[in-house]
Amino acid sequence: MSRINRFIESMLLGVGLIMAMRSASAGIDVIVDMRPPPPKSMPAPPPRPGYVYEPGYWSWDGHQYVWTEGTFVEERKGYRWSEPRWVEEDKRYRFVPGHWENE
């Protein structure tokens, strides 16, 4: 494969990943026919005051599942953090991004 073809392939993959991430954050449903892999078993880091830890999860890049590392999310008083997850609906899987819910 030529360097130009590899570059174009890399750019398209990057655009697909960006679009998947933007669609999830913009409220557009990401629906996949394949069941996501089981979550990776990784220890949580020590707590940080004023933050909640969001464990890693599988996201979709437009072609396959990719692992997204866990991160800290700034705490919001009066709310609880709902972790990102995949929900099975009619033998398909819909991604529900992490979000804050009233307590």
N, C-alpha and C. Protein backbone atom coordinates (compact mmCIF):
# COMPACT_ATOMS: atom_id res chain seq x y z
N MET A 1 0.86 -1.18 0.00
CA MET A 1 0.00 0.00 0.00
C MET A 1 0.90 1.24 0.00
N SER A 2 0.58 2.20 -0.83
CA SER A 2 1.41 3.40 -0.92
C SER A 2 1.23 4.26 0.33
N ARG A 3 2.18 5.15 0.51
CA ARG A 3 2.13 6.05 1.67
C ARG A 3 0.90 6.94 1.59
N ILE A 4 0.52 7.36 0.40
CA ILE A 4 -0.66 8.21 0.24
C ILE A 4 -1.92 7.45 0.64
N ASN A 5 -2.04 6.19 0.20
CA ASN A 5 -3.21 5.38 0.56
C ASN A 5 -3.28 5.17 2.07
N ARG A 6 -2.14 4.91 2.71
CA ARG A 6 -2.12 4.73 4.16
C ARG A 6 -2.51 6.02 4.86
N PHE A 7 -2.03 7.16 4.33
CA PHE A 7 -2.38 8.45 4.91
C PHE A 7 -3.88 8.69 4.80
N ILE A 8 -4.44 8.45 3.62
CA ILE A 8 -5.87 8.65 3.41
C ILE A 8 -6.68 7.72 4.31
N GLU A 9 -6.25 6.46 4.42
CA GLU A 9 -6.95 5.51 5.30
C GLU A 9 -6.90 5.98 6.74
N SER A 10 -5.74 6.47 7.19
CA SER A 10 -5.62 6.98 8.57
C SER A 10 -6.51 8.19 8.79
N MET A 11 -6.57 9.08 7.81
CA MET A 11 -7.41 10.27 7.93
C MET A 11 -8.89 9.88 8.01
N LEU A 12 -9.31 8.94 7.18
CA LEU A 12 -10.72 8.51 7.20
C LEU A 12 -11.07 7.86 8.52
N LEU A 13 -10.15 7.04 9.05
CA LEU A 13 -10.39 6.41 10.35
C LEU A 13 -10.51 7.48 11.43
N GLY A 14 -9.63 8.50 11.37
CA GLY A 14 -9.69 9.59 12.35
C GLY A 14 -11.00 10.36 12.25
N VAL A 15 -11.43 10.64 11.04
CA VAL A 15 -12.70 11.35 10.84
C VAL A 15 -13.86 10.51 11.38
N GLY A 16 -13.83 9.19 11.14
CA GLY A 16 -14.87 8.30 11.65
C GLY A 16 -14.93 8.33 13.17
N LEU A 17 -13.76 8.32 13.81
CA LEU A 17 -13.71 8.36 15.27
C LEU A 17 -14.25 9.69 15.79
N ILE A 18 -13.84 10.78 15.16
CA ILE A 18 -14.33 12.10 15.58
C ILE A 18 -15.84 12.19 15.42
N MET A 19 -16.35 11.70 14.29
CA MET A 19 -17.80 11.75 14.06
C MET A 19 -18.55 10.91 15.08
N ALA A 20 -18.02 9.73 15.42
CA ALA A 20 -18.68 8.89 16.43
C ALA A 20 -18.70 9.60 17.77
N MET A 21 -17.59 10.24 18.13
CA MET A 21 -17.53 10.94 19.42
C MET A 21 -18.45 12.15 19.41
N ARG A 22 -18.48 12.92 18.31
CA ARG A 22 -19.33 14.10 18.23
C ARG A 22 -20.80 13.71 18.24
N SER A 23 -21.14 12.63 17.54
CA SER A 23 -22.55 12.24 17.50
C SER A 23 -23.02 11.79 18.87
N ALA A 24 -22.16 11.13 19.63
CA ALA A 24 -22.55 10.72 20.97
C ALA A 24 -22.76 11.94 21.86
N SER A 25 -21.87 12.94 21.72
CA SER A 25 -22.01 14.11 22.58
C SER A 25 -23.11 15.05 22.09
N ALA A 26 -23.47 14.97 20.81
CA ALA A 26 -24.49 15.87 20.26
C ALA A 26 -25.89 15.31 20.44
N GLY A 27 -26.02 14.15 21.06
CA GLY A 27 -27.33 13.57 21.28
C GLY A 27 -27.82 12.71 20.13
N ILE A 28 -26.97 12.43 19.15
CA ILE A 28 -27.34 11.55 18.06
C ILE A 28 -27.04 10.12 18.50
N ASP A 29 -28.00 9.23 18.32
CA ASP A 29 -27.81 7.85 18.76
C ASP A 29 -26.74 7.13 17.95
N VAL A 30 -25.89 6.39 18.67
CA VAL A 30 -24.93 5.48 18.04
C VAL A 30 -25.50 4.09 18.27
N ILE A 31 -25.89 3.41 17.18
CA ILE A 31 -26.51 2.09 17.27
C ILE A 31 -25.67 1.11 16.47
N VAL A 32 -25.34 -0.04 17.08
CA VAL A 32 -24.44 -1.01 16.49
C VAL A 32 -25.11 -2.38 16.52
N ASP A 33 -24.87 -3.18 15.48
CA ASP A 33 -25.45 -4.53 15.42
C ASP A 33 -24.66 -5.54 16.24
N MET A 34 -23.39 -5.26 16.56
CA MET A 34 -22.54 -6.20 17.30
C MET A 34 -22.55 -5.88 18.79
N ARG A 35 -22.62 -6.93 19.60
CA ARG A 35 -22.53 -6.77 21.06
C ARG A 35 -21.14 -6.23 21.41
N PRO A 36 -21.06 -5.26 22.34
CA PRO A 36 -19.74 -4.77 22.74
C PRO A 36 -18.98 -5.85 23.52
N PRO A 37 -17.65 -5.82 23.47
CA PRO A 37 -16.87 -6.75 24.28
C PRO A 37 -17.12 -6.50 25.77
N PRO A 38 -16.80 -7.47 26.60
CA PRO A 38 -16.93 -7.22 28.05
C PRO A 38 -15.96 -6.11 28.47
N PRO A 39 -16.33 -5.32 29.49
CA PRO A 39 -15.43 -4.26 29.95
C PRO A 39 -14.09 -4.83 30.39
N LYS A 40 -13.04 -4.06 30.20
CA LYS A 40 -11.72 -4.46 30.69
C LYS A 40 -11.72 -4.31 32.20
N SER A 41 -11.09 -5.24 32.86
CA SER A 41 -11.00 -5.19 34.32
C SER A 41 -9.75 -4.40 34.71
N MET A 42 -9.97 -3.19 35.18
CA MET A 42 -8.85 -2.33 35.55
C MET A 42 -9.14 -1.69 36.90
N PRO A 43 -8.15 -1.63 37.77
CA PRO A 43 -8.40 -1.01 39.09
C PRO A 43 -8.62 0.49 38.94
N ALA A 44 -9.52 1.00 39.76
CA ALA A 44 -9.78 2.45 39.77
C ALA A 44 -8.64 3.16 40.48
N PRO A 45 -8.27 4.35 40.02
CA PRO A 45 -7.23 5.11 40.72
C PRO A 45 -7.77 5.63 42.04
N PRO A 46 -6.89 6.13 42.90
CA PRO A 46 -7.36 6.70 44.17
C PRO A 46 -8.33 7.85 43.92
N PRO A 47 -9.31 8.03 44.81
CA PRO A 47 -10.28 9.12 44.64
C PRO A 47 -9.60 10.49 44.62
N ARG A 48 -10.25 11.43 43.95
CA ARG A 48 -9.80 12.83 43.92
C ARG A 48 -10.93 13.68 44.48
N PRO A 49 -10.67 14.49 45.48
CA PRO A 49 -11.72 15.34 46.04
C PRO A 49 -12.33 16.23 44.95
N GLY A 50 -13.67 16.29 44.92
CA GLY A 50 -14.37 17.13 43.97
C GLY A 50 -14.60 16.48 42.62
N TYR A 51 -14.26 15.20 42.49
CA TYR A 51 -14.41 14.49 41.22
C TYR A 51 -15.01 13.11 41.45
N VAL A 52 -15.66 12.58 40.42
CA VAL A 52 -16.09 11.18 40.42
C VAL A 52 -15.32 10.49 39.30
N TYR A 53 -15.05 9.21 39.48
CA TYR A 53 -14.29 8.48 38.47
C TYR A 53 -15.24 7.78 37.51
N GLU A 54 -15.04 8.01 36.23
CA GLU A 54 -15.79 7.32 35.18
C GLU A 54 -14.89 6.20 34.66
N PRO A 55 -15.25 4.93 34.92
CA PRO A 55 -14.41 3.82 34.44
C PRO A 55 -14.34 3.80 32.91
N GLY A 56 -13.34 3.12 32.40
CA GLY A 56 -13.21 2.97 30.96
C GLY A 56 -14.41 2.23 30.37
N TYR A 57 -14.60 2.39 29.07
CA TYR A 57 -15.74 1.77 28.39
C TYR A 57 -15.40 1.59 26.91
N TRP A 58 -16.18 0.76 26.25
CA TRP A 58 -16.03 0.56 24.81
C TRP A 58 -16.83 1.62 24.06
N SER A 59 -16.18 2.33 23.14
CA SER A 59 -16.89 3.25 22.26
C SER A 59 -16.82 2.69 20.84
N TRP A 60 -17.51 3.31 19.92
CA TRP A 60 -17.59 2.84 18.54
C TRP A 60 -16.96 3.88 17.63
N ASP A 61 -16.03 3.47 16.77
CA ASP A 61 -15.36 4.43 15.89
C ASP A 61 -15.95 4.47 14.48
N GLY A 62 -17.09 3.83 14.28
CA GLY A 62 -17.70 3.77 12.96
C GLY A 62 -17.46 2.45 12.26
N HIS A 63 -16.47 1.67 12.78
CA HIS A 63 -16.13 0.37 12.18
C HIS A 63 -15.96 -0.73 13.22
N GLN A 64 -15.51 -0.35 14.41
CA GLN A 64 -15.24 -1.34 15.45
C GLN A 64 -15.28 -0.68 16.83
N TYR A 65 -15.33 -1.52 17.85
CA TYR A 65 -15.27 -1.01 19.22
C TYR A 65 -13.83 -0.65 19.54
N VAL A 66 -13.66 0.46 20.25
CA VAL A 66 -12.34 0.87 20.72
C VAL A 66 -12.46 1.22 22.20
N TRP A 67 -11.43 0.87 22.95
CA TRP A 67 -11.45 1.11 24.39
C TRP A 67 -11.16 2.58 24.69
N THR A 68 -11.98 3.17 25.55
CA THR A 68 -11.79 4.53 26.03
C THR A 68 -11.39 4.44 27.49
N GLU A 69 -10.23 4.97 27.81
CA GLU A 69 -9.71 4.90 29.18
C GLU A 69 -10.61 5.67 30.14
N GLY A 70 -10.60 5.24 31.40
CA GLY A 70 -11.36 5.92 32.44
C GLY A 70 -10.81 7.32 32.69
N THR A 71 -11.64 8.17 33.28
CA THR A 71 -11.24 9.55 33.53
C THR A 71 -12.01 10.09 34.73
N PHE A 72 -11.53 11.18 35.28
CA PHE A 72 -12.25 11.86 36.35
C PHE A 72 -13.16 12.93 35.76
N VAL A 73 -14.36 13.04 36.32
CA VAL A 73 -15.34 14.03 35.90
C VAL A 73 -15.61 14.93 37.10
N GLU A 74 -15.57 16.24 36.86
CA GLU A 74 -15.78 17.17 37.97
C GLU A 74 -17.17 16.98 38.57
N GLU A 75 -17.21 16.88 39.89
CA GLU A 75 -18.45 16.64 40.63
C GLU A 75 -19.42 17.81 40.48
N ARG A 76 -20.72 17.48 40.49
CA ARG A 76 -21.78 18.51 40.48
C ARG A 76 -22.68 18.25 41.69
N LYS A 77 -22.74 19.19 42.57
CA LYS A 77 -23.56 19.04 43.79
C LYS A 77 -25.03 18.87 43.42
N GLY A 78 -25.69 17.89 44.07
CA GLY A 78 -27.10 17.64 43.83
C GLY A 78 -27.36 16.70 42.66
N TYR A 79 -26.29 16.20 42.05
CA TYR A 79 -26.42 15.28 40.92
C TYR A 79 -25.56 14.05 41.16
N ARG A 80 -25.91 12.97 40.46
CA ARG A 80 -25.06 11.78 40.49
C ARG A 80 -24.67 11.45 39.06
N TRP A 81 -23.47 10.92 38.89
CA TRP A 81 -22.94 10.61 37.57
C TRP A 81 -23.44 9.24 37.11
N SER A 82 -24.02 9.18 35.93
CA SER A 82 -24.44 7.92 35.32
C SER A 82 -23.40 7.57 34.26
N GLU A 83 -22.73 6.45 34.45
CA GLU A 83 -21.62 6.06 33.58
C GLU A 83 -22.10 5.75 32.16
N PRO A 84 -21.22 5.93 31.17
CA PRO A 84 -21.58 5.55 29.80
C PRO A 84 -21.83 4.05 29.73
N ARG A 85 -22.75 3.65 28.85
CA ARG A 85 -23.08 2.22 28.77
C ARG A 85 -23.73 1.90 27.43
N TRP A 86 -23.76 0.63 27.11
CA TRP A 86 -24.45 0.13 25.92
C TRP A 86 -25.74 -0.53 26.37
N VAL A 87 -26.85 -0.22 25.71
CA VAL A 87 -28.16 -0.77 26.05
C VAL A 87 -28.64 -1.61 24.88
N GLU A 88 -29.02 -2.85 25.16
CA GLU A 88 -29.54 -3.72 24.10
C GLU A 88 -30.99 -3.38 23.82
N GLU A 89 -31.30 -3.18 22.55
CA GLU A 89 -32.67 -2.88 22.11
C GLU A 89 -32.91 -3.61 20.79
N ASP A 90 -33.82 -4.57 20.78
CA ASP A 90 -34.16 -5.29 19.56
C ASP A 90 -32.93 -5.91 18.88
N LYS A 91 -32.07 -6.56 19.67
CA LYS A 91 -30.87 -7.25 19.17
C LYS A 91 -29.84 -6.30 18.56
N ARG A 92 -29.94 -5.02 18.92
CA ARG A 92 -28.95 -4.02 18.53
C ARG A 92 -28.51 -3.32 19.80
N TYR A 93 -27.43 -2.56 19.72
CA TYR A 93 -26.84 -1.94 20.91
C TYR A 93 -26.73 -0.44 20.70
N ARG A 94 -27.34 0.32 21.63
CA ARG A 94 -27.35 1.78 21.58
C ARG A 94 -26.45 2.31 22.68
N PHE A 95 -25.58 3.26 22.31
CA PHE A 95 -24.68 3.85 23.28
C PHE A 95 -25.37 4.98 24.03
N VAL A 96 -25.28 4.94 25.35
CA VAL A 96 -25.80 6.01 26.20
C VAL A 96 -24.58 6.68 26.85
N PRO A 97 -24.27 7.92 26.44
CA PRO A 97 -23.10 8.60 27.01
C PRO A 97 -23.26 8.84 28.50
N GLY A 98 -22.15 9.02 29.21
CA GLY A 98 -22.19 9.39 30.61
C GLY A 98 -22.87 10.74 30.76
N HIS A 99 -23.61 10.88 31.86
CA HIS A 99 -24.34 12.14 32.06
C HIS A 99 -24.70 12.30 33.54
N TRP A 100 -25.06 13.52 33.89
CA TRP A 100 -25.48 13.83 35.26
C TRP A 100 -26.99 13.65 35.38
N GLU A 101 -27.42 13.08 36.51
CA GLU A 101 -28.85 12.92 36.82
C GLU A 101 -29.12 13.55 38.17
N ASN A 102 -30.32 14.12 38.34
CA ASN A 102 -30.71 14.66 39.64
C ASN A 102 -30.73 13.53 40.66
N GLU A 103 -30.28 13.87 41.87
CA GLU A 103 -30.30 12.86 42.95
C GLU A 103 -31.69 12.70 43.51
